[in-house]
Amino acid sequence: MGGMLKVGRALFFLGLVLAIVGFFRPWIPHASVALVVTGFELDEFAWLFPQVQSGAVALTRGLFLLPVTAAAVLLGLGIARLPVRWWVRLIPLGFAVTLALVPLPPYEVLQDPRYRLRMILAIIGPLLVLLTPLARRFPLGLWTSLVALAAVVGIVPAVIQYVRLRPAVVALYGTSFGPGWGLIACGAGFVLLLAASWLLNRDPTTK
């Protein structure tokens, strides 16, 4: 196995772990645990602000959940390229499908228009994950392009929403704050996934 292939695969799965763990850890830090907000909680948290409800702050709340959807698809893509028997991939693929269902809103609000994007993600995400086994037969260039695209889509829109919401949170908390370690870890994870796609595309042993 080529050196770049080893490093690329290591970066890929390390990036996935950081992206997933970071999503469920603090994005908005605070000395009081009750005021800490994780990436997963930002969708609901943002709706508490009158500026968001009125549209004064241009925010698409469902985009806060893109990191977990993208991570699920990326996990499926990674599993598809592993040199193992098909049945070995079933358990991690099942985990990826479960992860893709995280945006699914509670049953009692399924018809609420505010949760429409979450519902769309909860439908499209698992479907995309279930299609990822086909990526095993994709040309390497196409596979790495899909990885890079998913990594960018996974973090950039969510960070844009975070930047737009932050001034309202600072005003509410009465103090400024930097990005929580969950946001840093999640962002670093997607950057590593981008680096992995580049390395794997350049390794001659994977051509």
Foldseek 3Di string as FASTA:
>chain_A
DDPLLVLLLVLQVLLLVLQVQLQQAFFDDDPDPVPTAHLLRQLVVLVVDVCVVVCVQPALSLLSLLQQLLSLLSQLLSLLQDPDDPVVSVVSLVVSLVSQQSLPDDPVCNVPPSSVSSNVSNVVSNVSSVVNNVSNPPQLLVSLVSLLVSLCSNQVSSVVNVVSSQVVVCVVVVHHDDTDVSSVSSNVSSVSSNVSSVSLVPDPVRD
